[in-house]
């Protein structure tokens, strides 16, 4: 039996677990490591269909906000 783990899913789980901790319990190193993990997650998910869908939603929200300001 071969078990495969998607690295992006694994990083998403790690991010959720790290962000659930109290802010006071985090050191500067922990915060920097979380930022690096999130950046790697973004690079891994960006070229996927899910990442493109997120990008489209963000673009629509930004365009809506910028047009409502006019």
PDB file of N, CA and C in Angstrom:
ATOM      1  N   UNK A   1       0.838  -1.176   0.000  1.00  0.00           N
ATOM      2  CA  UNK A   1       0.000   0.000   0.000  1.00  0.00           C
ATOM      3  C   UNK A   1       0.886   1.243   0.000  1.00  0.00           C
ATOM      4  N   UNK A   2       0.691   2.087  -0.993  1.00  0.00           N
ATOM      5  CA  UNK A   2       1.472   3.308  -1.134  1.00  0.00           C
ATOM      6  C   UNK A   2       0.624   4.503  -0.722  1.00  0.00           C
ATOM      7  N   UNK A   3       1.125   5.277   0.220  1.00  0.00           N
ATOM      8  CA  UNK A   3       0.408   6.454   0.693  1.00  0.00           C
ATOM      9  C   UNK A   3       1.147   7.687   0.208  1.00  0.00           C
ATOM     10  N   UNK A   4       0.432   8.571  -0.476  1.00  0.00           N
ATOM     11  CA  UNK A   4       1.037   9.812  -0.938  1.00  0.00           C
ATOM     12  C   UNK A   4       0.405  10.975  -0.180  1.00  0.00           C
ATOM     13  N   UNK A   5       1.224  11.957   0.117  1.00  0.00           N
ATOM     14  CA  UNK A   5       0.756  13.137   0.826  1.00  0.00           C
ATOM     15  C   UNK A   5       1.050  14.351  -0.046  1.00  0.00           C
ATOM     16  N   UNK A   6       0.050  15.120  -0.301  1.00  0.00           N
ATOM     17  CA  UNK A   6       0.238  16.346  -1.051  1.00  0.00           C
ATOM     18  C   UNK A   6       0.937  17.347  -0.129  1.00  0.00           C
ATOM     19  N   UNK A   7       2.058  17.889  -0.565  1.00  0.00           N
ATOM     20  CA  UNK A   7       2.854  18.790   0.265  1.00  0.00           C
ATOM     21  C   UNK A   7       2.065  20.051   0.611  1.00  0.00           C
ATOM     22  N   UNK A   8       1.262  20.544  -0.319  1.00  0.00           N
ATOM     23  CA  UNK A   8       0.475  21.746  -0.047  1.00  0.00           C
ATOM     24  C   UNK A   8      -0.544  21.485   1.057  1.00  0.00           C
ATOM     25  N   UNK A   9      -1.177  20.306   1.043  1.00  0.00           N
ATOM     26  CA  UNK A   9      -2.138  19.969   2.085  1.00  0.00           C
ATOM     27  C   UNK A   9      -1.429  19.841   3.429  1.00  0.00           C
ATOM     28  N   UNK A  10      -0.270  19.211   3.427  1.00  0.00           N
ATOM     29  CA  UNK A  10       0.501  19.070   4.662  1.00  0.00           C
ATOM     30  C   UNK A  10       0.886  20.445   5.220  1.00  0.00           C
ATOM     31  N   UNK A  11       1.329  21.351   4.354  1.00  0.00           N
ATOM     32  CA  UNK A  11       1.677  22.697   4.815  1.00  0.00           C
ATOM     33  C   UNK A  11       0.448  23.443   5.324  1.00  0.00           C
ATOM     34  N   UNK A  12      -0.708  23.243   4.690  1.00  0.00           N
ATOM     35  CA  UNK A  12      -1.936  23.892   5.166  1.00  0.00           C
ATOM     36  C   UNK A  12      -2.274  23.436   6.575  1.00  0.00           C
ATOM     37  N   UNK A  13      -2.124  22.144   6.843  1.00  0.00           N
ATOM     38  CA  UNK A  13      -2.386  21.621   8.184  1.00  0.00           C
ATOM     39  C   UNK A  13      -1.392  22.214   9.186  1.00  0.00           C
ATOM     40  N   UNK A  14      -0.129  22.290   8.804  1.00  0.00           N
ATOM     41  CA  UNK A  14       0.890  22.863   9.691  1.00  0.00           C
ATOM     42  C   UNK A  14       0.587  24.327   9.978  1.00  0.00           C
ATOM     43  N   UNK A  15       0.171  25.075   8.966  1.00  0.00           N
ATOM     44  CA  UNK A  15      -0.157  26.492   9.149  1.00  0.00           C
ATOM     45  C   UNK A  15      -1.322  26.646  10.124  1.00  0.00           C
ATOM     46  N   UNK A  16      -2.351  25.841   9.945  1.00  0.00           N
ATOM     47  CA  UNK A  16      -3.515  25.922  10.839  1.00  0.00           C
ATOM     48  C   UNK A  16      -3.113  25.611  12.273  1.00  0.00           C
ATOM     49  N   UNK A  17      -2.308  24.575  12.457  1.00  0.00           N
ATOM     50  CA  UNK A  17      -1.883  24.222  13.813  1.00  0.00           C
ATOM     51  C   UNK A  17      -1.019  25.312  14.433  1.00  0.00           C
ATOM     52  N   UNK A  18      -0.148  25.920  13.636  1.00  0.00           N
ATOM     53  CA  UNK A  18       0.728  26.973  14.173  1.00  0.00           C
ATOM     54  C   UNK A  18      -0.057  28.234  14.512  1.00  0.00           C
ATOM     55  N   UNK A  19      -1.064  28.561  13.723  1.00  0.00           N
ATOM     56  CA  UNK A  19      -1.827  29.791  13.955  1.00  0.00           C
ATOM     57  C   UNK A  19      -2.831  29.653  15.093  1.00  0.00           C
ATOM     58  N   UNK A  20      -3.125  28.434  15.508  1.00  0.00           N
ATOM     59  CA  UNK A  20      -4.059  28.231  16.620  1.00  0.00           C
ATOM     60  C   UNK A  20      -3.420  28.561  17.966  1.00  0.00           C
ATOM     61  N   UNK A  21      -2.097  28.597  18.009  1.00  0.00           N
ATOM     62  CA  UNK A  21      -1.417  28.911  19.270  1.00  0.00           C
ATOM     63  C   UNK A  21      -1.644  30.358  19.654  1.00  0.00           C
ATOM     64  N   UNK A  22      -1.599  30.629  20.943  1.00  0.00           N
ATOM     65  CA  UNK A  22      -1.766  32.000  21.428  1.00  0.00           C
ATOM     66  C   UNK A  22      -0.621  32.873  20.937  1.00  0.00           C
ATOM     67  N   UNK A  23      -0.920  34.115  20.673  1.00  0.00           N
ATOM     68  CA  UNK A  23       0.091  35.043  20.169  1.00  0.00           C
ATOM     69  C   UNK A  23       1.207  35.247  21.184  1.00  0.00           C
ATOM     70  N   UNK A  24       0.872  35.294  22.455  1.00  0.00           N
ATOM     71  CA  UNK A  24       1.872  35.528  23.488  1.00  0.00           C
ATOM     72  C   UNK A  24       2.865  34.370  23.586  1.00  0.00           C
ATOM     73  N   UNK A  25       2.468  33.186  23.151  1.00  0.00           N
ATOM     74  CA  UNK A  25       3.339  32.020  23.267  1.00  0.00           C
ATOM     75  C   UNK A  25       4.326  31.912  22.106  1.00  0.00           C
ATOM     76  N   UNK A  26       4.245  32.807  21.127  1.00  0.00           N
ATOM     77  CA  UNK A  26       5.112  32.722  19.955  1.00  0.00           C
ATOM     78  C   UNK A  26       6.354  33.590  20.136  1.00  0.00           C
ATOM     79  N   UNK A  27       7.479  33.035  19.740  1.00  0.00           N
ATOM     80  CA  UNK A  27       8.711  33.824  19.740  1.00  0.00           C
ATOM     81  C   UNK A  27       8.889  34.443  18.350  1.00  0.00           C
ATOM     82  N   UNK A  28       9.879  35.297  18.218  1.00  0.00           N
ATOM     83  CA  UNK A  28      10.142  35.893  16.904  1.00  0.00           C
ATOM     84  C   UNK A  28      10.518  34.822  15.881  1.00  0.00           C
ATOM     85  N   UNK A  29      11.274  33.828  16.317  1.00  0.00           N
ATOM     86  CA  UNK A  29      11.656  32.743  15.415  1.00  0.00           C
ATOM     87  C   UNK A  29      10.419  31.993  14.938  1.00  0.00           C
ATOM     88  N   UNK A  30       9.477  31.736  15.850  1.00  0.00           N
ATOM     89  CA  UNK A  30       8.236  31.049  15.463  1.00  0.00           C
ATOM     90  C   UNK A  30       7.460  31.854  14.433  1.00  0.00           C
ATOM     91  N   UNK A  31       7.399  33.154  14.625  1.00  0.00           N
ATOM     92  CA  UNK A  31       6.680  34.004  13.682  1.00  0.00           C
ATOM     93  C   UNK A  31       7.366  34.014  12.318  1.00  0.00           C
ATOM     94  N   UNK A  32       8.688  34.095  12.302  1.00  0.00           N
ATOM     95  CA  UNK A  32       9.429  34.081  11.038  1.00  0.00           C
ATOM     96  C   UNK A  32       9.262  32.747  10.331  1.00  0.00           C
ATOM     97  N   UNK A  33       9.295  31.647  11.086  1.00  0.00           N
ATOM     98  CA  UNK A  33       9.111  30.325  10.490  1.00  0.00           C
ATOM     99  C   UNK A  33       7.714  30.194   9.899  1.00  0.00           C
ATOM    100  N   UNK A  34       6.708  30.734  10.584  1.00  0.00           N
ATOM    101  CA  UNK A  34       5.346  30.693  10.062  1.00  0.00           C
ATOM    102  C   UNK A  34       5.242  31.471   8.758  1.00  0.00           C
ATOM    103  N   UNK A  35       5.890  32.616   8.681  1.00  0.00           N
ATOM    104  CA  UNK A  35       5.886  33.409   7.447  1.00  0.00           C
ATOM    105  C   UNK A  35       6.537  32.632   6.312  1.00  0.00           C
ATOM    106  N   UNK A  36       7.648  31.983   6.566  1.00  0.00           N
ATOM    107  CA  UNK A  36       8.328  31.190   5.532  1.00  0.00           C
ATOM    108  C   UNK A  36       7.442  30.035   5.071  1.00  0.00           C
ATOM    109  N   UNK A  37       6.797  29.358   6.002  1.00  0.00           N
ATOM    110  CA  UNK A  37       5.907  28.244   5.646  1.00  0.00           C
ATOM    111  C   UNK A  37       4.746  28.740   4.792  1.00  0.00           C
ATOM    112  N   UNK A  38       4.175  29.885   5.155  1.00  0.00           N
ATOM    113  CA  UNK A  38       3.062  30.438   4.379  1.00  0.00           C
ATOM    114  C   UNK A  38       3.521  30.830   2.976  1.00  0.00           C
ATOM    115  N   UNK A  39       4.714  31.393   2.846  1.00  0.00           N
ATOM    116  CA  UNK A  39       5.238  31.755   1.523  1.00  0.00           C
ATOM    117  C   UNK A  39       5.457  30.520   0.651  1.00  0.00           C
ATOM    118  N   UNK A  40       6.014  29.472   1.243  1.00  0.00           N
ATOM    119  CA  UNK A  40       6.211  28.225   0.494  1.00  0.00           C
ATOM    120  C   UNK A  40       4.863  27.646   0.081  1.00  0.00           C
ATOM    121  N   UNK A  41       3.886  27.697   0.980  1.00  0.00           N
ATOM    122  CA  UNK A  41       2.539  27.223   0.666  1.00  0.00           C
ATOM    123  C   UNK A  41       1.964  28.007  -0.516  1.00  0.00           C
ATOM    124  N   UNK A  42       2.145  29.325  -0.508  1.00  0.00           N
ATOM    125  CA  UNK A  42       1.651  30.148  -1.608  1.00  0.00           C
ATOM    126  C   UNK A  42       2.307  29.808  -2.932  1.00  0.00           C
ATOM    127  N   UNK A  43       3.596  29.544  -2.895  1.00  0.00           N
ATOM    128  CA  UNK A  43       4.311  29.173  -4.132  1.00  0.00           C
ATOM    129  C   UNK A  43       3.829  27.819  -4.645  1.00  0.00           C
ATOM    130  N   UNK A  44       3.549  26.893  -3.738  1.00  0.00           N
ATOM    131  CA  UNK A  44       3.091  25.568  -4.151  1.00  0.00           C
ATOM    132  C   UNK A  44       1.667  25.586  -4.692  1.00  0.00           C
ATOM    133  N   UNK A  45       0.815  26.426  -4.134  1.00  0.00           N
ATOM    134  CA  UNK A  45      -0.592  26.404  -4.525  1.00  0.00           C
ATOM    135  C   UNK A  45      -0.897  27.337  -5.697  1.00  0.00           C
ATOM    136  N   UNK A  46      -0.034  28.309  -5.964  1.00  0.00           N
ATOM    137  CA  UNK A  46      -0.299  29.307  -7.007  1.00  0.00           C
ATOM    138  C   UNK A  46      -0.549  28.717  -8.391  1.00  0.00           C
ATOM    139  N   UNK A  47       0.239  27.766  -8.873  1.00  0.00           N
ATOM    140  CA  UNK A  47       0.004  27.286 -10.241  1.00  0.00           C
ATOM    141  C   UNK A  47      -1.159  26.307 -10.376  1.00  0.00           C
ATOM    142  N   UNK A  48      -1.813  25.924  -9.293  1.00  0.00           N
ATOM    143  CA  UNK A  48      -2.907  24.964  -9.361  1.00  0.00           C
ATOM    144  C   UNK A  48      -4.207  25.662  -9.744  1.00  0.00           C
ATOM    145  N   UNK A  49      -5.212  24.883 -10.111  1.00  0.00           N
ATOM    146  CA  UNK A  49      -6.521  25.439 -10.447  1.00  0.00           C
ATOM    147  C   UNK A  49      -7.133  26.127  -9.229  1.00  0.00           C
ATOM    148  N   UNK A  50      -6.939  25.546  -8.052  1.00  0.00           N
ATOM    149  CA  UNK A  50      -7.453  26.143  -6.824  1.00  0.00           C
ATOM    150  C   UNK A  50      -6.798  27.498  -6.577  1.00  0.00           C
ATOM    151  N   UNK A  51      -5.500  27.577  -6.777  1.00  0.00           N
ATOM    152  CA  UNK A  51      -4.778  28.838  -6.608  1.00  0.00           C
ATOM    153  C   UNK A  51      -5.240  29.891  -7.592  1.00  0.00           C
ATOM    154  N   UNK A  52      -5.493  29.487  -8.828  1.00  0.00           N
ATOM    155  CA  UNK A  52      -5.991  30.428  -9.833  1.00  0.00           C
ATOM    156  C   UNK A  52      -7.389  30.910  -9.475  1.00  0.00           C
ATOM    157  N   UNK A  53      -8.203  30.025  -8.905  1.00  0.00           N
ATOM    158  CA  UNK A  53      -9.541  30.427  -8.461  1.00  0.00           C
ATOM    159  C   UNK A  53      -9.473  31.452  -7.350  1.00  0.00           C
ATOM    160  N   UNK A  54      -8.562  31.244  -6.400  1.00  0.00           N
ATOM    161  CA  UNK A  54      -8.369  32.209  -5.323  1.00  0.00           C
ATOM    162  C   UNK A  54      -7.912  33.546  -5.891  1.00  0.00           C
ATOM    163  N   UNK A  55      -6.989  33.510  -6.847  1.00  0.00           N
ATOM    164  CA  UNK A  55      -6.509  34.740  -7.477  1.00  0.00           C
ATOM    165  C   UNK A  55      -7.646  35.478  -8.159  1.00  0.00           C
ATOM    166  N   UNK A  56      -8.513  34.766  -8.877  1.00  0.00           N
ATOM    167  CA  UNK A  56      -9.645  35.404  -9.555  1.00  0.00           C
ATOM    168  C   UNK A  56     -10.584  36.076  -8.554  1.00  0.00           C
ATOM    169  N   UNK A  57     -10.849  35.405  -7.432  1.00  0.00           N
ATOM    170  CA  UNK A  57     -11.727  35.978  -6.403  1.00  0.00           C
ATOM    171  C   UNK A  57     -11.101  37.240  -5.817  1.00  0.00           C
ATOM    172  N   UNK A  58      -9.808  37.176  -5.517  1.00  0.00           N
ATOM    173  CA  UNK A  58      -9.126  38.347  -4.946  1.00  0.00           C
ATOM    174  C   UNK A  58      -9.131  39.503  -5.930  1.00  0.00           C
ATOM    175  N   UNK A  59      -8.903  39.220  -7.198  1.00  0.00           N
ATOM    176  CA  UNK A  59      -8.909  40.275  -8.221  1.00  0.00           C
ATOM    177  C   UNK A  59     -10.290  40.910  -8.304  1.00  0.00           C
ATOM    178  N   UNK A  60     -11.347  40.119  -8.278  1.00  0.00           N
ATOM    179  CA  UNK A  60     -12.704  40.664  -8.336  1.00  0.00           C
ATOM    180  C   UNK A  60     -13.013  41.526  -7.119  1.00  0.00           C
ATOM    181  N   UNK A  61     -12.583  41.086  -5.941  1.00  0.00           N
ATOM    182  CA  UNK A  61     -12.818  41.868  -4.721  1.00  0.00           C
ATOM    183  C   UNK A  61     -12.078  43.200  -4.788  1.00  0.00           C
ATOM    184  N   UNK A  62     -10.820  43.163  -5.221  1.00  0.00           N
ATOM    185  CA  UNK A  62     -10.030  44.397  -5.310  1.00  0.00           C
ATOM    186  C   UNK A  62     -10.638  45.346  -6.334  1.00  0.00           C
ATOM    187  N   UNK A  63     -11.073  44.821  -7.469  1.00  0.00           N
ATOM    188  CA  UNK A  63     -11.696  45.684  -8.482  1.00  0.00           C
ATOM    189  C   UNK A  63     -12.997  46.277  -7.953  1.00  0.00           C
ATOM    190  N   UNK A  64     -13.781  45.482  -7.229  1.00  0.00           N
ATOM    191  CA  UNK A  64     -15.020  45.997  -6.652  1.00  0.00           C
ATOM    192  C   UNK A  64     -14.780  47.097  -5.639  1.00  0.00           C
ATOM    193  N   UNK A  65     -13.762  46.904  -4.798  1.00  0.00           N
ATOM    194  CA  UNK A  65     -13.437  47.912  -3.788  1.00  0.00           C
ATOM    195  C   UNK A  65     -12.922  49.184  -4.457  1.00  0.00           C
ATOM    196  N   UNK A  66     -12.086  49.028  -5.468  1.00  0.00           N
ATOM    197  CA  UNK A  66     -11.530  50.219  -6.127  1.00  0.00           C
ATOM    198  C   UNK A  66     -12.612  50.975  -6.910  1.00  0.00           C
ATOM    199  N   UNK A  67     -13.586  50.277  -7.481  1.00  0.00           N
ATOM    200  CA  UNK A  67     -14.654  50.939  -8.202  1.00  0.00           C
ATOM    201  C   UNK A  67     -15.654  51.597  -7.266  1.00  0.00           C
ATOM    202  N   UNK A  68     -15.836  51.030  -6.077  1.00  0.00           N
ATOM    203  CA  UNK A  68     -16.788  51.626  -5.132  1.00  0.00           C
ATOM    204  C   UNK A  68     -16.229  52.911  -4.536  1.00  0.00           C
ATOM    205  N   UNK A  69     -14.924  53.086  -4.594  1.00  0.00           N
ATOM    206  CA  UNK A  69     -14.311  54.302  -4.075  1.00  0.00           C
ATOM    207  C   UNK A  69     -14.428  55.476  -5.024  1.00  0.00           C
ATOM    208  N   UNK A  70     -14.844  55.239  -6.230  1.00  0.00           N
ATOM    209  CA  UNK A  70     -14.937  56.313  -7.238  1.00  0.00           C
ATOM    210  C   UNK A  70     -16.232  57.039  -7.145  1.00  0.00           C
TER     211      UNK A  70
END
